[in-house]
């Protein structure tokens, strides 16, 4: 694909003695490849931006965990009970030493 980025498609057809149909197919595949790489790179950039953890958010989530220390707690329950956004709760739980993850959305309080 790097070679296609440096070459002109008109020159490719002439130099390699390819038909116009084949060159247009190669160009279409290359354009689709460029679009998919652009989409993947923007998704990675969006996902890589870590959310800042506020102290008051952390205190609210920890208080909820302490009151429900004897059971498994699902992410949706925390969001409903605290009124925080899911991303904020996830950021708090990712850095919390008092919390352990069971699966992607279930946690328990570790004393």
C-alpha atoms as a PDB file:
ATOM      1  CA  UNK A   1       0.000   0.000   0.000  1.00  0.00           C
ATOM      2  CA  UNK A   2       2.920   2.335   0.612  1.00  0.00           C
ATOM      3  CA  UNK A   3       3.977   1.855  -3.002  1.00  0.00           C
ATOM      4  CA  UNK A   4       0.529   2.924  -4.195  1.00  0.00           C
ATOM      5  CA  UNK A   5       0.745   6.096  -2.120  1.00  0.00           C
ATOM      6  CA  UNK A   6       3.870   7.138  -4.021  1.00  0.00           C
ATOM      7  CA  UNK A   7       2.709   6.264  -7.516  1.00  0.00           C
ATOM      8  CA  UNK A   8       0.235   7.796  -9.923  1.00  0.00           C
ATOM      9  CA  UNK A   9      -2.510   5.467 -11.082  1.00  0.00           C
ATOM     10  CA  UNK A  10      -2.180   6.666 -14.666  1.00  0.00           C
ATOM     11  CA  UNK A  11       1.517   5.810 -14.623  1.00  0.00           C
ATOM     12  CA  UNK A  12       0.727   2.434 -13.065  1.00  0.00           C
ATOM     13  CA  UNK A  13      -1.473   1.466 -16.005  1.00  0.00           C
ATOM     14  CA  UNK A  14       1.140   2.515 -18.534  1.00  0.00           C
ATOM     15  CA  UNK A  15       4.204   1.086 -16.778  1.00  0.00           C
ATOM     16  CA  UNK A  16       2.672  -2.255 -15.846  1.00  0.00           C
ATOM     17  CA  UNK A  17       0.671  -2.552 -19.059  1.00  0.00           C
ATOM     18  CA  UNK A  18      -2.609  -2.952 -17.143  1.00  0.00           C
ATOM     19  CA  UNK A  19      -6.068  -2.339 -18.514  1.00  0.00           C
ATOM     20  CA  UNK A  20      -8.097   0.681 -17.409  1.00  0.00           C
ATOM     21  CA  UNK A  21     -10.549  -1.575 -15.549  1.00  0.00           C
ATOM     22  CA  UNK A  22      -7.842  -3.208 -13.462  1.00  0.00           C
ATOM     23  CA  UNK A  23      -6.246   0.152 -12.628  1.00  0.00           C
ATOM     24  CA  UNK A  24      -9.618   1.536 -11.520  1.00  0.00           C
ATOM     25  CA  UNK A  25     -10.160  -1.527  -9.290  1.00  0.00           C
ATOM     26  CA  UNK A  26      -6.729  -1.063  -7.736  1.00  0.00           C
ATOM     27  CA  UNK A  27      -7.515   2.595  -7.161  1.00  0.00           C
ATOM     28  CA  UNK A  28     -10.874   1.750  -5.555  1.00  0.00           C
ATOM     29  CA  UNK A  29      -9.266  -0.769  -3.199  1.00  0.00           C
ATOM     30  CA  UNK A  30      -6.582   1.750  -2.270  1.00  0.00           C
ATOM     31  CA  UNK A  31      -9.173   4.486  -1.550  1.00  0.00           C
ATOM     32  CA  UNK A  32     -11.147   2.070   0.646  1.00  0.00           C
ATOM     33  CA  UNK A  33      -7.939   1.192   2.486  1.00  0.00           C
ATOM     34  CA  UNK A  34      -7.224   4.883   3.091  1.00  0.00           C
ATOM     35  CA  UNK A  35     -10.736   5.467   4.456  1.00  0.00           C
ATOM     36  CA  UNK A  36     -10.557   2.474   6.800  1.00  0.00           C
ATOM     37  CA  UNK A  37      -7.182   3.593   8.146  1.00  0.00           C
ATOM     38  CA  UNK A  38      -8.536   7.109   8.690  1.00  0.00           C
ATOM     39  CA  UNK A  39     -11.542   5.764  10.592  1.00  0.00           C
ATOM     40  CA  UNK A  40      -9.389   3.444  12.718  1.00  0.00           C
ATOM     41  CA  UNK A  41      -6.924   6.208  13.548  1.00  0.00           C
ATOM     42  CA  UNK A  42      -9.706   8.582  14.638  1.00  0.00           C
ATOM     43  CA  UNK A  43     -11.290   5.854  16.774  1.00  0.00           C
ATOM     44  CA  UNK A  44      -7.971   5.139  18.439  1.00  0.00           C
ATOM     45  CA  UNK A  45      -7.452   8.838  19.148  1.00  0.00           C
ATOM     46  CA  UNK A  46     -10.897   9.149  20.695  1.00  0.00           C
ATOM     47  CA  UNK A  47     -10.491   6.044  22.824  1.00  0.00           C
ATOM     48  CA  UNK A  48      -6.982   6.959  23.930  1.00  0.00           C
ATOM     49  CA  UNK A  49      -8.004  10.216  25.588  1.00  0.00           C
ATOM     50  CA  UNK A  50      -8.213   9.339  29.298  1.00  0.00           C
ATOM     51  CA  UNK A  51     -10.942  10.894  31.379  1.00  0.00           C
ATOM     52  CA  UNK A  52      -9.833  12.982  34.341  1.00  0.00           C
ATOM     53  CA  UNK A  53     -11.057  11.629  37.670  1.00  0.00           C
ATOM     54  CA  UNK A  54     -12.658  14.193  39.963  1.00  0.00           C
ATOM     55  CA  UNK A  55     -12.300  13.690  43.714  1.00  0.00           C
ATOM     56  CA  UNK A  56     -16.012  14.244  44.344  1.00  0.00           C
ATOM     57  CA  UNK A  57     -16.918  11.633  41.701  1.00  0.00           C
ATOM     58  CA  UNK A  58     -14.549   9.165  43.296  1.00  0.00           C
ATOM     59  CA  UNK A  59     -16.009   9.827  46.748  1.00  0.00           C
ATOM     60  CA  UNK A  60     -19.592   9.331  45.521  1.00  0.00           C
ATOM     61  CA  UNK A  61     -18.771   6.051  43.773  1.00  0.00           C
ATOM     62  CA  UNK A  62     -16.781   4.742  46.729  1.00  0.00           C
ATOM     63  CA  UNK A  63     -19.641   5.568  49.100  1.00  0.00           C
ATOM     64  CA  UNK A  64     -22.020   3.606  46.880  1.00  0.00           C
ATOM     65  CA  UNK A  65     -19.633   0.654  46.893  1.00  0.00           C
ATOM     66  CA  UNK A  66     -19.314   0.755  50.683  1.00  0.00           C
ATOM     67  CA  UNK A  67     -23.058   0.679  51.182  1.00  0.00           C
ATOM     68  CA  UNK A  68     -23.339  -2.271  48.772  1.00  0.00           C
ATOM     69  CA  UNK A  69     -20.147  -4.078  49.817  1.00  0.00           C
ATOM     70  CA  UNK A  70     -21.845  -7.455  50.203  1.00  0.00           C
ATOM     71  CA  UNK A  71     -22.949  -7.847  46.587  1.00  0.00           C
ATOM     72  CA  UNK A  72     -21.789  -7.618  43.000  1.00  0.00           C
ATOM     73  CA  UNK A  73     -22.422  -4.202  41.492  1.00  0.00           C
ATOM     74  CA  UNK A  74     -23.184  -3.620  37.830  1.00  0.00           C
ATOM     75  CA  UNK A  75     -22.108  -0.492  35.968  1.00  0.00           C
ATOM     76  CA  UNK A  76     -25.711   0.479  35.156  1.00  0.00           C
ATOM     77  CA  UNK A  77     -26.622   0.387  38.855  1.00  0.00           C
ATOM     78  CA  UNK A  78     -23.776   2.739  39.720  1.00  0.00           C
ATOM     79  CA  UNK A  79     -24.715   5.165  36.965  1.00  0.00           C
ATOM     80  CA  UNK A  80     -28.381   5.231  38.033  1.00  0.00           C
ATOM     81  CA  UNK A  81     -27.595   5.576  41.735  1.00  0.00           C
ATOM     82  CA  UNK A  82     -24.905   8.241  41.470  1.00  0.00           C
ATOM     83  CA  UNK A  83     -26.210  10.260  38.533  1.00  0.00           C
ATOM     84  CA  UNK A  84     -22.746  10.348  36.973  1.00  0.00           C
ATOM     85  CA  UNK A  85     -21.975   9.589  33.363  1.00  0.00           C
ATOM     86  CA  UNK A  86     -20.807   6.100  32.485  1.00  0.00           C
ATOM     87  CA  UNK A  87     -17.426   7.380  31.278  1.00  0.00           C
ATOM     88  CA  UNK A  88     -16.823   9.187  34.572  1.00  0.00           C
ATOM     89  CA  UNK A  89     -17.725   6.083  36.584  1.00  0.00           C
ATOM     90  CA  UNK A  90     -15.489   3.912  34.384  1.00  0.00           C
ATOM     91  CA  UNK A  91     -12.581   6.314  34.892  1.00  0.00           C
ATOM     92  CA  UNK A  92     -13.057   6.195  38.678  1.00  0.00           C
ATOM     93  CA  UNK A  93     -13.286   2.394  38.746  1.00  0.00           C
ATOM     94  CA  UNK A  94     -10.224   1.956  36.534  1.00  0.00           C
ATOM     95  CA  UNK A  95      -8.043   3.759  39.078  1.00  0.00           C
ATOM     96  CA  UNK A  96      -9.750   2.700  42.310  1.00  0.00           C
ATOM     97  CA  UNK A  97      -7.715   0.451  44.647  1.00  0.00           C
ATOM     98  CA  UNK A  98     -10.898  -0.470  46.578  1.00  0.00           C
ATOM     99  CA  UNK A  99     -12.663  -1.965  43.570  1.00  0.00           C
ATOM    100  CA  UNK A 100     -12.113  -5.152  41.539  1.00  0.00           C
ATOM    101  CA  UNK A 101     -13.594  -6.008  38.183  1.00  0.00           C
ATOM    102  CA  UNK A 102     -15.408  -9.316  37.711  1.00  0.00           C
ATOM    103  CA  UNK A 103     -16.196  -8.854  34.037  1.00  0.00           C
ATOM    104  CA  UNK A 104     -16.594  -5.858  31.735  1.00  0.00           C
ATOM    105  CA  UNK A 105     -19.489  -4.313  33.656  1.00  0.00           C
ATOM    106  CA  UNK A 106     -19.597  -6.024  37.051  1.00  0.00           C
ATOM    107  CA  UNK A 107     -17.508  -5.024  40.079  1.00  0.00           C
ATOM    108  CA  UNK A 108     -17.168  -5.759  43.766  1.00  0.00           C
ATOM    109  CA  UNK A 109     -15.898  -3.803  46.755  1.00  0.00           C
ATOM    110  CA  UNK A 110     -12.545  -4.940  48.092  1.00  0.00           C
ATOM    111  CA  UNK A 111     -11.942  -3.829  51.652  1.00  0.00           C
END
